[in-house]
Structures are given as structure tokens and as C-alpha cells.
Amino acid sequence: MAVSNEGATYSWGRNTEGQLGHGHVLPVLSATPIEALSHLTVTQAACGEAHSLILTNVNSTVYAMGRNKNGQLGLGHNSHNVVPRLGGYEAAPVQVHGLDGKGVFQLSCGANHSAAVAGT
């Protein structure tokens, strides 16, 4: 993933778990804007083995996407973020509500975990 100076987010690569945020689980072979986040100014992106986190400048809102087998998306459950749909999959970024108002300023992802640094 890459974040431009203007706050646009691009992702590419293997996408079997929807970790790239493009709304599907197909490989993305070149840097492609994440349309679901195009209305936001992104300040940071973090990538794990098969999941990603995005930090925005709007109240330090965090979005997650990809594999959630161990709860690494921070959604309060370990259900998968890729939802089967007729004719394909929906793999869109989901807001992490447990971090609302916490002043998150740094994200990190490991293979099967995530971390956020916050402060007021």
C-alpha cells in the first residue's frame, strides 16, 4: 500500500482475503486507488499477512479489511470480512469503532495481530 501526499491510498498485490480493499478478492497487478476510501484523507496504512489497516485524519478513524481469523481487524469478533455475494465477494474496508475518540496516531500490523498507538 501507498499513501500519497494528498491522502489518497493505493494498493496492489495478492488479494485472496480482500486485504487490498477493492471490493473483490482478485489480484491487483498495479498500484490502484482504493475507491471506497476516496472521500477520506488517509494519513497512514499498515499491512499484515492478509489484512490491512487505514488511518484517516477525520477524528483518527481507523478502517480494516482482509482476514479476521484471529480478530486482527479489531471488529469485536473473528468472522471473516470477505462476505460471499452472488457472483463474487464483497471485500470492503470496515470502520473499527472501538477506537473512536481515542486519538490514534500510529498503526501496526503483524501476521495475525494489529496494534494502534493512541493519545489525547
PDB file of N, CA and C in Angstrom:
ATOM      1  N   MET A   1       0.837  -1.176   0.000  1.00  0.00           N
ATOM      2  CA  MET A   1       0.000   0.000   0.000  1.00  0.00           C
ATOM      3  C   MET A   1       0.877   1.232   0.000  1.00  0.00           C
ATOM      4  N   ALA A   2       0.306   2.306  -0.530  1.00  0.00           N
ATOM      5  CA  ALA A   2       0.981   3.594  -0.529  1.00  0.00           C
ATOM      6  C   ALA A   2      -0.052   4.684  -0.283  1.00  0.00           C
ATOM      7  N   VAL A   3       0.364   5.718   0.437  1.00  0.00           N
ATOM      8  CA  VAL A   3      -0.477   6.877   0.705  1.00  0.00           C
ATOM      9  C   VAL A   3       0.198   8.086   0.077  1.00  0.00           C
ATOM     10  N   SER A   4      -0.537   8.810  -0.765  1.00  0.00           N
ATOM     11  CA  SER A   4       0.023   9.988  -1.428  1.00  0.00           C
ATOM     12  C   SER A   4       0.062  11.174  -0.476  1.00  0.00           C
ATOM     13  N   ASN A   5       0.786  12.213  -0.848  1.00  0.00           N
ATOM     14  CA  ASN A   5       0.842  13.445  -0.058  1.00  0.00           C
ATOM     15  C   ASN A   5      -0.533  14.067   0.111  1.00  0.00           C
ATOM     16  N   GLU A   6      -1.439  13.797  -0.823  1.00  0.00           N
ATOM     17  CA  GLU A   6      -2.795  14.332  -0.769  1.00  0.00           C
ATOM     18  C   GLU A   6      -3.736  13.448   0.047  1.00  0.00           C
ATOM     19  N   GLY A   7      -3.269  12.296   0.539  1.00  0.00           N
ATOM     20  CA  GLY A   7      -4.086  11.417   1.360  1.00  0.00           C
ATOM     21  C   GLY A   7      -4.857  10.362   0.604  1.00  0.00           C
ATOM     22  N   ALA A   8      -4.538  10.143  -0.670  1.00  0.00           N
ATOM     23  CA  ALA A   8      -5.157   9.053  -1.437  1.00  0.00           C
ATOM     24  C   ALA A   8      -4.400   7.762  -1.133  1.00  0.00           C
ATOM     25  N   THR A   9      -5.114   6.636  -1.126  1.00  0.00           N
ATOM     26  CA  THR A   9      -4.500   5.347  -0.812  1.00  0.00           C
ATOM     27  C   THR A   9      -4.539   4.428  -2.027  1.00  0.00           C
ATOM     28  N   TYR A  10      -3.415   3.789  -2.295  1.00  0.00           N
ATOM     29  CA  TYR A  10      -3.276   2.856  -3.409  1.00  0.00           C
ATOM     30  C   TYR A  10      -2.844   1.504  -2.849  1.00  0.00           C
ATOM     31  N   SER A  11      -3.343   0.432  -3.460  1.00  0.00           N
ATOM     32  CA  SER A  11      -2.896  -0.901  -3.041  1.00  0.00           C
ATOM     33  C   SER A  11      -2.758  -1.795  -4.260  1.00  0.00           C
ATOM     34  N   TRP A  12      -1.961  -2.857  -4.097  1.00  0.00           N
ATOM     35  CA  TRP A  12      -1.724  -3.814  -5.165  1.00  0.00           C
ATOM     36  C   TRP A  12      -1.133  -5.064  -4.565  1.00  0.00           C
ATOM     37  N   GLY A  13      -1.254  -6.179  -5.291  1.00  0.00           N
ATOM     38  CA  GLY A  13      -0.668  -7.441  -4.850  1.00  0.00           C
ATOM     39  C   GLY A  13      -1.694  -8.559  -4.751  1.00  0.00           C
ATOM     40  N   ARG A  14      -1.299  -9.609  -4.026  1.00  0.00           N
ATOM     41  CA  ARG A  14      -2.175 -10.743  -3.781  1.00  0.00           C
ATOM     42  C   ARG A  14      -3.338 -10.256  -2.930  1.00  0.00           C
ATOM     43  N   ASN A  15      -4.519 -10.712  -3.221  1.00  0.00           N
ATOM     44  CA  ASN A  15      -5.708 -10.149  -2.590  1.00  0.00           C
ATOM     45  C   ASN A  15      -6.695 -11.237  -2.211  1.00  0.00           C
ATOM     46  N   THR A  16      -6.210 -12.416  -1.880  1.00  0.00           N
ATOM     47  CA  THR A  16      -7.083 -13.563  -1.644  1.00  0.00           C
ATOM     48  C   THR A  16      -8.029 -13.397  -0.467  1.00  0.00           C
ATOM     49  N   GLU A  17      -7.731 -12.467   0.441  1.00  0.00           N
ATOM     50  CA  GLU A  17      -8.566 -12.245   1.620  1.00  0.00           C
ATOM     51  C   GLU A  17      -9.271 -10.893   1.586  1.00  0.00           C
ATOM     52  N   GLY A  18      -9.186 -10.185   0.474  1.00  0.00           N
ATOM     53  CA  GLY A  18      -9.796  -8.867   0.378  1.00  0.00           C
ATOM     54  C   GLY A  18      -9.018  -7.793   1.102  1.00  0.00           C
ATOM     55  N   GLN A  19      -7.757  -8.060   1.420  1.00  0.00           N
ATOM     56  CA  GLN A  19      -6.941  -7.146   2.216  1.00  0.00           C
ATOM     57  C   GLN A  19      -6.562  -5.862   1.482  1.00  0.00           C
ATOM     58  N   LEU A  20      -6.812  -5.785   0.184  1.00  0.00           N
ATOM     59  CA  LEU A  20      -6.462  -4.578  -0.561  1.00  0.00           C
ATOM     60  C   LEU A  20      -7.593  -3.555  -0.593  1.00  0.00           C
ATOM     61  N   GLY A  21      -8.811  -3.943  -0.190  1.00  0.00           N
ATOM     62  CA  GLY A  21      -9.914  -3.000  -0.054  1.00  0.00           C
ATOM     63  C   GLY A  21     -10.608  -2.598  -1.334  1.00  0.00           C
ATOM     64  N   HIS A  22     -10.454  -3.380  -2.398  1.00  0.00           N
ATOM     65  CA  HIS A  22     -11.052  -3.020  -3.688  1.00  0.00           C
ATOM     66  C   HIS A  22     -12.432  -3.632  -3.923  1.00  0.00           C
ATOM     67  N   GLY A  23     -12.969  -4.347  -2.960  1.00  0.00           N
ATOM     68  CA  GLY A  23     -14.304  -4.906  -3.118  1.00  0.00           C
ATOM     69  C   GLY A  23     -14.345  -6.245  -3.825  1.00  0.00           C
ATOM     70  N   HIS A  24     -13.193  -6.877  -3.978  1.00  0.00           N
ATOM     71  CA  HIS A  24     -13.122  -8.202  -4.592  1.00  0.00           C
ATOM     72  C   HIS A  24     -11.906  -8.937  -4.030  1.00  0.00           C
ATOM     73  N   VAL A  25     -11.719 -10.184  -4.440  1.00  0.00           N
ATOM     74  CA  VAL A  25     -10.586 -10.980  -3.955  1.00  0.00           C
ATOM     75  C   VAL A  25      -9.667 -11.422  -5.102  1.00  0.00           C
ATOM     76  N   LEU A  26      -9.600 -10.614  -6.141  1.00  0.00           N
ATOM     77  CA  LEU A  26      -8.730 -10.893  -7.279  1.00  0.00           C
ATOM     78  C   LEU A  26      -7.397 -10.176  -7.098  1.00  0.00           C
ATOM     79  N   PRO A  27      -6.308 -10.690  -7.678  1.00  0.00           N
ATOM     80  CA  PRO A  27      -5.027  -9.988  -7.603  1.00  0.00           C
ATOM     81  C   PRO A  27      -5.135  -8.609  -8.260  1.00  0.00           C
ATOM     82  N   VAL A  28      -4.395  -7.658  -7.734  1.00  0.00           N
ATOM     83  CA  VAL A  28      -4.321  -6.311  -8.297  1.00  0.00           C
ATOM     84  C   VAL A  28      -2.866  -6.114  -8.699  1.00  0.00           C
ATOM     85  N   LEU A  29      -2.608  -5.993 -10.001  1.00  0.00           N
ATOM     86  CA  LEU A  29      -1.248  -6.067 -10.522  1.00  0.00           C
ATOM     87  C   LEU A  29      -0.517  -4.733 -10.614  1.00  0.00           C
ATOM     88  N   SER A  30      -1.197  -3.634 -10.368  1.00  0.00           N
ATOM     89  CA  SER A  30      -0.516  -2.329 -10.354  1.00  0.00           C
ATOM     90  C   SER A  30      -1.172  -1.442  -9.303  1.00  0.00           C
ATOM     91  N   ALA A  31      -0.467  -0.415  -8.877  1.00  0.00           N
ATOM     92  CA  ALA A  31      -0.979   0.499  -7.856  1.00  0.00           C
ATOM     93  C   ALA A  31      -2.324   1.062  -8.308  1.00  0.00           C
ATOM     94  N   THR A  32      -3.367   0.792  -7.501  1.00  0.00           N
ATOM     95  CA  THR A  32      -4.740   1.149  -7.852  1.00  0.00           C
ATOM     96  C   THR A  32      -5.380   1.878  -6.679  1.00  0.00           C
ATOM     97  N   PRO A  33      -6.033   3.028  -6.931  1.00  0.00           N
ATOM     98  CA  PRO A  33      -6.685   3.749  -5.831  1.00  0.00           C
ATOM     99  C   PRO A  33      -7.770   2.899  -5.173  1.00  0.00           C
ATOM    100  N   ILE A  34      -7.892   3.003  -3.866  1.00  0.00           N
ATOM    101  CA  ILE A  34      -8.966   2.316  -3.137  1.00  0.00           C
ATOM    102  C   ILE A  34     -10.182   3.237  -3.183  1.00  0.00           C
ATOM    103  N   GLU A  35     -11.109   2.932  -4.068  1.00  0.00           N
ATOM    104  CA  GLU A  35     -12.271   3.795  -4.312  1.00  0.00           C
ATOM    105  C   GLU A  35     -13.136   3.975  -3.068  1.00  0.00           C
ATOM    106  N   ALA A  36     -13.267   2.942  -2.242  1.00  0.00           N
ATOM    107  CA  ALA A  36     -14.115   3.029  -1.049  1.00  0.00           C
ATOM    108  C   ALA A  36     -13.606   4.069  -0.057  1.00  0.00           C
ATOM    109  N   LEU A  37     -12.335   4.461  -0.177  1.00  0.00           N
ATOM    110  CA  LEU A  37     -11.750   5.444   0.732  1.00  0.00           C
ATOM    111  C   LEU A  37     -11.474   6.785   0.050  1.00  0.00           C
ATOM    112  N   SER A  38     -11.922   6.944  -1.194  1.00  0.00           N
ATOM    113  CA  SER A  38     -11.572   8.126  -1.981  1.00  0.00           C
ATOM    114  C   SER A  38     -12.124   9.428  -1.398  1.00  0.00           C
ATOM    115  N   HIS A  39     -13.157   9.349  -0.571  1.00  0.00           N
ATOM    116  CA  HIS A  39     -13.740  10.550   0.037  1.00  0.00           C
ATOM    117  C   HIS A  39     -13.033  10.951   1.335  1.00  0.00           C
ATOM    118  N   LEU A  40     -12.039  10.165   1.747  1.00  0.00           N
ATOM    119  CA  LEU A  40     -11.327  10.403   3.005  1.00  0.00           C
ATOM    120  C   LEU A  40      -9.884  10.822   2.743  1.00  0.00           C
ATOM    121  N   THR A  41      -9.297  11.521   3.700  1.00  0.00           N
ATOM    122  CA  THR A  41      -7.867  11.815   3.649  1.00  0.00           C
ATOM    123  C   THR A  41      -7.169  10.820   4.563  1.00  0.00           C
ATOM    124  N   VAL A  42      -6.392   9.948   3.962  1.00  0.00           N
ATOM    125  CA  VAL A  42      -5.694   8.897   4.700  1.00  0.00           C
ATOM    126  C   VAL A  42      -4.335   9.420   5.131  1.00  0.00           C
ATOM    127  N   THR A  43      -3.959   9.123   6.363  1.00  0.00           N
ATOM    128  CA  THR A  43      -2.668   9.570   6.881  1.00  0.00           C
ATOM    129  C   THR A  43      -1.666   8.430   7.029  1.00  0.00           C
ATOM    130  N   GLN A  44      -2.165   7.186   7.122  1.00  0.00           N
ATOM    131  CA  GLN A  44      -1.259   6.049   7.268  1.00  0.00           C
ATOM    132  C   GLN A  44      -1.949   4.763   6.842  1.00  0.00           C
ATOM    133  N   ALA A  45      -1.174   3.823   6.333  1.00  0.00           N
ATOM    134  CA  ALA A  45      -1.639   2.473   6.020  1.00  0.00           C
ATOM    135  C   ALA A  45      -0.673   1.485   6.652  1.00  0.00           C
ATOM    136  N   ALA A  46      -1.204   0.375   7.158  1.00  0.00           N
ATOM    137  CA  ALA A  46      -0.373  -0.693   7.719  1.00  0.00           C
ATOM    138  C   ALA A  46      -0.861  -2.013   7.139  1.00  0.00           C
ATOM    139  N   CYS A  47       0.079  -2.894   6.825  1.00  0.00           N
ATOM    140  CA  CYS A  47      -0.267  -4.168   6.190  1.00  0.00           C
ATOM    141  C   CYS A  47       0.270  -5.341   6.993  1.00  0.00           C
ATOM    142  N   GLY A  48      -0.592  -6.353   7.178  1.00  0.00           N
ATOM    143  CA  GLY A  48      -0.197  -7.603   7.799  1.00  0.00           C
ATOM    144  C   GLY A  48      -0.093  -8.685   6.741  1.00  0.00           C
ATOM    145  N   GLU A  49      -0.100  -9.935   7.166  1.00  0.00           N
ATOM    146  CA  GLU A  49      -0.001 -11.045   6.211  1.00  0.00           C
ATOM    147  C   GLU A  49      -1.169 -11.060   5.245  1.00  0.00           C
ATOM    148  N   ALA A  50      -2.375 -10.878   5.741  1.00  0.00           N
ATOM    149  CA  ALA A  50      -3.565 -10.922   4.883  1.00  0.00           C
ATOM    150  C   ALA A  50      -4.633  -9.953   5.387  1.00  0.00           C
ATOM    151  N   HIS A  51      -4.213  -8.870   6.010  1.00  0.00           N
ATOM    152  CA  HIS A  51      -5.137  -7.830   6.444  1.00  0.00           C
ATOM    153  C   HIS A  51      -4.429  -6.479   6.397  1.00  0.00           C
ATOM    154  N   SER A  52      -5.227  -5.425   6.391  1.00  0.00           N
ATOM    155  CA  SER A  52      -4.680  -4.072   6.333  1.00  0.00           C
ATOM    156  C   SER A  52      -5.491  -3.150   7.220  1.00  0.00           C
ATOM    157  N   LEU A  53      -4.841  -2.096   7.697  1.00  0.00           N
ATOM    158  CA  LEU A  53      -5.498  -1.043   8.465  1.00  0.00           C
ATOM    159  C   LEU A  53      -5.196   0.294   7.811  1.00  0.00           C
ATOM    160  N   ILE A  54      -6.162   1.196   7.874  1.00  0.00           N
ATOM    161  CA  ILE A  54      -6.042   2.526   7.301  1.00  0.00           C
ATOM    162  C   ILE A  54      -6.410   3.535   8.379  1.00  0.00           C
ATOM    163  N   LEU A  55      -5.605   4.585   8.540  1.00  0.00           N
ATOM    164  CA  LEU A  55      -5.873   5.663   9.484  1.00  0.00           C
ATOM    165  C   LEU A  55      -6.211   6.922   8.691  1.00  0.00           C
ATOM    166  N   THR A  56      -7.307   7.597   9.068  1.00  0.00           N
ATOM    167  CA  THR A  56      -7.707   8.817   8.379  1.00  0.00           C
ATOM    168  C   THR A  56      -7.547  10.019   9.304  1.00  0.00           C
ATOM    169  N   ASN A  57      -7.623  11.209   8.707  1.00  0.00           N
ATOM    170  CA  ASN A  57      -7.488  12.418   9.505  1.00  0.00           C
ATOM    171  C   ASN A  57      -8.815  12.877  10.111  1.00  0.00           C
ATOM    172  N   VAL A  58      -9.885  12.173   9.866  1.00  0.00           N
ATOM    173  CA  VAL A  58     -11.194  12.516  10.432  1.00  0.00           C
ATOM    174  C   VAL A  58     -11.326  11.831  11.786  1.00  0.00           C
ATOM    175  N   ASN A  59     -11.067  12.561  12.858  1.00  0.00           N
ATOM    176  CA  ASN A  59     -11.151  12.021  14.220  1.00  0.00           C
ATOM    177  C   ASN A  59     -10.320  10.755  14.400  1.00  0.00           C
ATOM    178  N   SER A  60      -9.231  10.634  13.658  1.00  0.00           N
ATOM    179  CA  SER A  60      -8.355   9.452  13.731  1.00  0.00           C
ATOM    180  C   SER A  60      -9.121   8.155  13.501  1.00  0.00           C
ATOM    181  N   THR A  61     -10.052   8.174  12.559  1.00  0.00           N
ATOM    182  CA  THR A  61     -10.856   6.992  12.250  1.00  0.00           C
ATOM    183  C   THR A  61      -9.988   5.920  11.607  1.00  0.00           C
ATOM    184  N   VAL A  62     -10.178   4.669  12.044  1.00  0.00           N
ATOM    185  CA  VAL A  62      -9.430   3.527  11.527  1.00  0.00           C
ATOM    186  C   VAL A  62     -10.377   2.623  10.745  1.00  0.00           C
ATOM    187  N   TYR A  63      -9.922   2.156   9.581  1.00  0.00           N
ATOM    188  CA  TYR A  63     -10.650   1.195   8.764  1.00  0.00           C
ATOM    189  C   TYR A  63      -9.806  -0.068   8.641  1.00  0.00           C
ATOM    190  N   ALA A  64     -10.472  -1.224   8.582  1.00  0.00           N
ATOM    191  CA  ALA A  64      -9.788  -2.514   8.484  1.00  0.00           C
ATOM    192  C   ALA A  64     -10.368  -3.309   7.327  1.00  0.00           C
ATOM    193  N   MET A  65      -9.539  -4.186   6.760  1.00  0.00           N
ATOM    194  CA  MET A  65     -10.001  -5.063   5.687  1.00  0.00           C
ATOM    195  C   MET A  65      -9.120  -6.293   5.608  1.00  0.00           C
ATOM    196  N   GLY A  66      -9.718  -7.400   5.163  1.00  0.00           N
ATOM    197  CA  GLY A  66      -8.971  -8.633   4.969  1.00  0.00           C
ATOM    198  C   GLY A  66      -9.335  -9.718   5.953  1.00  0.00           C
ATOM    199  N   ARG A  67      -8.392 -10.625   6.160  1.00  0.00           N
ATOM    200  CA  ARG A  67      -8.620 -11.784   7.034  1.00  0.00           C
ATOM    201  C   ARG A  67      -8.783 -11.344   8.481  1.00  0.00           C
ATOM    202  N   ASN A  68      -9.719 -11.996   9.166  1.00  0.00           N
ATOM    203  CA  ASN A  68     -10.029 -11.649  10.557  1.00  0.00           C
ATOM    204  C   ASN A  68     -10.097 -12.892  11.428  1.00  0.00           C
ATOM    205  N   LYS A  69      -9.411 -13.950  11.028  1.00  0.00           N
ATOM    206  CA  LYS A  69      -9.473 -15.244  11.722  1.00  0.00           C
ATOM    207  C   LYS A  69      -9.143 -15.137  13.203  1.00  0.00           C
ATOM    208  N   ASN A  70      -8.227 -14.255  13.565  1.00  0.00           N
ATOM    209  CA  ASN A  70      -7.811 -14.103  14.958  1.00  0.00           C
ATOM    210  C   ASN A  70      -8.268 -12.779  15.562  1.00  0.00           C
ATOM    211  N   GLY A  71      -9.264 -12.152  14.938  1.00  0.00           N
ATOM    212  CA  GLY A  71      -9.755 -10.878  15.438  1.00  0.00           C
ATOM    213  C   GLY A  71      -8.846  -9.700  15.146  1.00  0.00           C
ATOM    214  N   GLN A  72      -7.894  -9.867  14.219  1.00  0.00           N
ATOM    215  CA  GLN A  72      -6.908  -8.823  13.958  1.00  0.00           C
ATOM    216  C   GLN A  72      -7.481  -7.562  13.311  1.00  0.00           C
ATOM    217  N   LEU A  73      -8.740  -7.597  12.853  1.00  0.00           N
ATOM    218  CA  LEU A  73      -9.352  -6.390  12.306  1.00  0.00           C
ATOM    219  C   LEU A  73      -9.921  -5.484  13.398  1.00  0.00           C
ATOM    220  N   GLY A  74     -10.016  -5.988  14.627  1.00  0.00           N
ATOM    221  CA  GLY A  74     -10.485  -5.159  15.733  1.00  0.00           C
ATOM    222  C   GLY A  74     -11.976  -4.880  15.705  1.00  0.00           C
ATOM    223  N   LEU A  75     -12.741  -5.784  15.121  1.00  0.00           N
ATOM    224  CA  LEU A  75     -14.181  -5.575  14.959  1.00  0.00           C
ATOM    225  C   LEU A  75     -15.009  -6.191  16.083  1.00  0.00           C
ATOM    226  N   GLY A  76     -14.352  -6.781  17.079  1.00  0.00           N
ATOM    227  CA  GLY A  76     -15.072  -7.371  18.201  1.00  0.00           C
ATOM    228  C   GLY A  76     -15.533  -8.794  17.955  1.00  0.00           C
ATOM    229  N   HIS A  77     -15.093  -9.399  16.859  1.00  0.00           N
ATOM    230  CA  HIS A  77     -15.421 -10.792  16.539  1.00  0.00           C
ATOM    231  C   HIS A  77     -14.305 -11.328  15.647  1.00  0.00           C
ATOM    232  N   ASN A  78     -14.376 -12.606  15.318  1.00  0.00           N
ATOM    233  CA  ASN A  78     -13.365 -13.160  14.413  1.00  0.00           C
ATOM    234  C   ASN A  78     -13.991 -13.707  13.133  1.00  0.00           C
ATOM    235  N   SER A  79     -15.145 -13.160  12.761  1.00  0.00           N
ATOM    236  CA  SER A  79     -15.769 -13.513  11.489  1.00  0.00           C
ATOM    237  C   SER A  79     -14.999 -12.860  10.355  1.00  0.00           C
ATOM    238  N   HIS A  80     -15.000 -13.506   9.227  1.00  0.00           N
ATOM    239  CA  HIS A  80     -14.246 -13.024   8.080  1.00  0.00           C
ATOM    240  C   HIS A  80     -14.879 -11.765   7.502  1.00  0.00           C
ATOM    241  N   ASN A  81     -14.051 -10.835   7.048  1.00  0.00           N
ATOM    242  CA  ASN A  81     -14.524  -9.586   6.449  1.00  0.00           C
ATOM    243  C   ASN A  81     -14.933  -9.769   4.994  1.00  0.00           C
ATOM    244  N   VAL A  82     -14.539 -10.869   4.346  1.00  0.00           N
ATOM    245  CA  VAL A  82     -14.944 -11.134   2.970  1.00  0.00           C
ATOM    246  C   VAL A  82     -16.265 -11.883   3.024  1.00  0.00           C
ATOM    247  N   VAL A  83     -17.314 -11.227   2.562  1.00  0.00           N
ATOM    248  CA  VAL A  83     -18.659 -11.786   2.632  1.00  0.00           C
ATOM    249  C   VAL A  83     -19.047 -12.335   1.263  1.00  0.00           C
ATOM    250  N   PRO A  84     -19.397 -13.646   1.175  1.00  0.00           N
ATOM    251  CA  PRO A  84     -19.820 -14.188  -0.123  1.00  0.00           C
ATOM    252  C   PRO A  84     -21.065 -13.464  -0.633  1.00  0.00           C
ATOM    253  N   ARG A  85     -21.060 -13.102  -1.889  1.00  0.00           N
ATOM    254  CA  ARG A  85     -22.198 -12.471  -2.562  1.00  0.00           C
ATOM    255  C   ARG A  85     -22.419 -13.202  -3.877  1.00  0.00           C
ATOM    256  N   LEU A  86     -23.620 -13.122  -4.390  1.00  0.00           N
ATOM    257  CA  LEU A  86     -23.927 -13.722  -5.679  1.00  0.00           C
ATOM    258  C   LEU A  86     -22.982 -13.148  -6.734  1.00  0.00           C
ATOM    259  N   GLY A  87     -22.253 -14.024  -7.413  1.00  0.00           N
ATOM    260  CA  GLY A  87     -21.356 -13.582  -8.467  1.00  0.00           C
ATOM    261  C   GLY A  87     -20.011 -13.082  -7.985  1.00  0.00           C
ATOM    262  N   GLY A  88     -19.658 -13.293  -6.712  1.00  0.00           N
ATOM    263  CA  GLY A  88     -18.343 -12.855  -6.256  1.00  0.00           C
ATOM    264  C   GLY A  88     -18.318 -12.566  -4.776  1.00  0.00           C
ATOM    265  N   TYR A  89     -17.473 -11.649  -4.378  1.00  0.00           N
ATOM    266  CA  TYR A  89     -17.271 -11.325  -2.972  1.00  0.00           C
ATOM    267  C   TYR A  89     -17.338  -9.821  -2.762  1.00  0.00           C
ATOM    268  N   GLU A  90     -17.674  -9.444  -1.553  1.00  0.00           N
ATOM    269  CA  GLU A  90     -17.576  -8.042  -1.145  1.00  0.00           C
ATOM    270  C   GLU A  90     -16.449  -7.981  -0.128  1.00  0.00           C
ATOM    271  N   ALA A  91     -15.449  -7.207  -0.407  1.00  0.00           N
ATOM    272  CA  ALA A  91     -14.283  -7.113   0.477  1.00  0.00           C
ATOM    273  C   ALA A  91     -13.950  -5.643   0.665  1.00  0.00           C
ATOM    274  N   ALA A  92     -14.791  -4.950   1.386  1.00  0.00           N
ATOM    275  CA  ALA A  92     -14.644  -3.507   1.530  1.00  0.00           C
ATOM    276  C   ALA A  92     -14.098  -3.148   2.904  1.00  0.00           C
ATOM    277  N   PRO A  93     -13.460  -1.998   3.028  1.00  0.00           N
ATOM    278  CA  PRO A  93     -12.992  -1.532   4.337  1.00  0.00           C
ATOM    279  C   PRO A  93     -14.156  -1.350   5.314  1.00  0.00           C
ATOM    280  N   VAL A  94     -13.927  -1.718   6.573  1.00  0.00           N
ATOM    281  CA  VAL A  94     -14.936  -1.612   7.630  1.00  0.00           C
ATOM    282  C   VAL A  94     -14.354  -0.728   8.730  1.00  0.00           C
ATOM    283  N   GLN A  95     -15.152   0.202   9.236  1.00  0.00           N
ATOM    284  CA  GLN A  95     -14.684   1.088  10.297  1.00  0.00           C
ATOM    285  C   GLN A  95     -14.513   0.325  11.597  1.00  0.00           C
ATOM    286  N   VAL A  96     -13.401   0.568  12.302  1.00  0.00           N
ATOM    287  CA  VAL A  96     -13.110  -0.032  13.602  1.00  0.00           C
ATOM    288  C   VAL A  96     -13.648   0.925  14.667  1.00  0.00           C
ATOM    289  N   HIS A  97     -14.830   0.628  15.214  1.00  0.00           N
ATOM    290  CA  HIS A  97     -15.493   1.544  16.138  1.00  0.00           C
ATOM    291  C   HIS A  97     -14.878   1.564  17.535  1.00  0.00           C
ATOM    292  N   GLY A  98     -14.186   0.548  17.940  1.00  0.00           N
ATOM    293  CA  GLY A  98     -13.597   0.523  19.276  1.00  0.00           C
ATOM    294  C   GLY A  98     -12.512   1.569  19.490  1.00  0.00           C
ATOM    295  N   LEU A  99     -12.064   2.218  18.420  1.00  0.00           N
ATOM    296  CA  LEU A  99     -11.003   3.220  18.525  1.00  0.00           C
ATOM    297  C   LEU A  99     -11.518   4.646  18.388  1.00  0.00           C
ATOM    298  N   ASP A 100     -12.837   4.806  18.226  1.00  0.00           N
ATOM    299  CA  ASP A 100     -13.425   6.146  18.082  1.00  0.00           C
ATOM    300  C   ASP A 100     -13.048   7.029  19.266  1.00  0.00           C
ATOM    301  N   GLY A 101     -12.576   8.223  18.977  1.00  0.00           N
ATOM    302  CA  GLY A 101     -12.268   9.201  20.018  1.00  0.00           C
ATOM    303  C   GLY A 101     -11.025   8.918  20.833  1.00  0.00           C
ATOM    304  N   LYS A 102     -10.237   7.925  20.457  1.00  0.00           N
ATOM    305  CA  LYS A 102      -9.047   7.555  21.231  1.00  0.00           C
ATOM    306  C   LYS A 102      -7.794   8.322  20.810  1.00  0.00           C
ATOM    307  N   GLY A 103      -7.849   9.077  19.716  1.00  0.00           N
ATOM    308  CA  GLY A 103      -6.673   9.831  19.270  1.00  0.00           C
ATOM    309  C   GLY A 103      -5.582   8.954  18.689  1.00  0.00           C
ATOM    310  N   VAL A 104      -5.962   7.956  17.897  1.00  0.00           N
ATOM    311  CA  VAL A 104      -4.968   7.064  17.279  1.00  0.00           C
ATOM    312  C   VAL A 104      -4.072   7.869  16.345  1.00  0.00           C
ATOM    313  N   PHE A 105      -2.755   7.647  16.447  1.00  0.00           N
ATOM    314  CA  PHE A 105      -1.831   8.325  15.546  1.00  0.00           C
ATOM    315  C   PHE A 105      -0.823   7.379  14.897  1.00  0.00           C
ATOM    316  N   GLN A 106      -0.838   6.093  15.270  1.00  0.00           N
ATOM    317  CA  GLN A 106       0.089   5.129  14.673  1.00  0.00           C
ATOM    318  C   GLN A 106      -0.563   3.755  14.627  1.00  0.00           C
ATOM    319  N   LEU A 107      -0.402   3.043  13.504  1.00  0.00           N
ATOM    320  CA  LEU A 107      -0.924   1.686  13.339  1.00  0.00           C
ATOM    321  C   LEU A 107       0.210   0.735  13.000  1.00  0.00           C
ATOM    322  N   SER A 108       0.031  -0.527  13.377  1.00  0.00           N
ATOM    323  CA  SER A 108       0.991  -1.558  13.020  1.00  0.00           C
ATOM    324  C   SER A 108       0.248  -2.876  12.848  1.00  0.00           C
ATOM    325  N   CYS A 109       0.669  -3.674  11.871  1.00  0.00           N
ATOM    326  CA  CYS A 109       0.071  -4.995  11.642  1.00  0.00           C
ATOM    327  C   CYS A 109       1.172  -6.048  11.630  1.00  0.00           C
ATOM    328  N   GLY A 110       0.890  -7.181  12.257  1.00  0.00           N
ATOM    329  CA  GLY A 110       1.758  -8.344  12.168  1.00  0.00           C
ATOM    330  C   GLY A 110       1.063  -9.390  11.322  1.00  0.00           C
ATOM    331  N   ALA A 111       1.532 -10.614  11.383  1.00  0.00           N
ATOM    332  CA  ALA A 111       0.923 -11.680  10.603  1.00  0.00           C
ATOM    333  C   ALA A 111      -0.524 -11.908  11.019  1.00  0.00           C
ATOM    334  N   ASN A 112      -0.775 -11.983  12.325  1.00  0.00           N
ATOM    335  CA  ASN A 112      -2.112 -12.298  12.825  1.00  0.00           C
ATOM    336  C   ASN A 112      -2.551 -11.380  13.950  1.00  0.00           C
ATOM    337  N   HIS A 113      -2.008 -10.171  13.993  1.00  0.00           N
ATOM    338  CA  HIS A 113      -2.405  -9.220  15.036  1.00  0.00           C
ATOM    339  C   HIS A 113      -2.261  -7.802  14.513  1.00  0.00           C
ATOM    340  N   SER A 114      -2.828  -6.865  15.239  1.00  0.00           N
ATOM    341  CA  SER A 114      -2.722  -5.442  14.901  1.00  0.00           C
ATOM    342  C   SER A 114      -2.515  -4.659  16.197  1.00  0.00           C
ATOM    343  N   ALA A 115      -1.986  -3.444  16.065  1.00  0.00           N
ATOM    344  CA  ALA A 115      -1.810  -2.577  17.227  1.00  0.00           C
ATOM    345  C   ALA A 115      -2.048  -1.134  16.792  1.00  0.00           C
ATOM    346  N   ALA A 116      -2.527  -0.339  17.734  1.00  0.00           N
ATOM    347  CA  ALA A 116      -2.725   1.080  17.491  1.00  0.00           C
ATOM    348  C   ALA A 116      -2.139   1.842  18.674  1.00  0.00           C
ATOM    349  N   VAL A 117      -1.447   2.937  18.396  1.00  0.00           N
ATOM    350  CA  VAL A 117      -0.928   3.808  19.432  1.00  0.00           C
ATOM    351  C   VAL A 117      -1.827   5.027  19.462  1.00  0.00           C
ATOM    352  N   ALA A 118      -2.306   5.359  20.665  1.00  0.00           N
ATOM    353  CA  ALA A 118      -3.241   6.471  20.806  1.00  0.00           C
ATOM    354  C   ALA A 118      -2.814   7.362  21.954  1.00  0.00           C
ATOM    355  N   GLY A 119      -3.301   8.586  21.912  1.00  0.00           N
ATOM    356  CA  GLY A 119      -3.028   9.522  22.980  1.00  0.00           C
ATOM    357  C   GLY A 119      -3.921  10.744  22.805  1.00  0.00           C
ATOM    358  N   THR A 120      -4.161  11.410  23.884  1.00  0.00           N
ATOM    359  CA  THR A 120      -5.038  12.573  23.790  1.00  0.00           C
ATOM    360  C   THR A 120      -4.239  13.856  23.832  1.00  0.00           C
TER     361      THR A 120
END
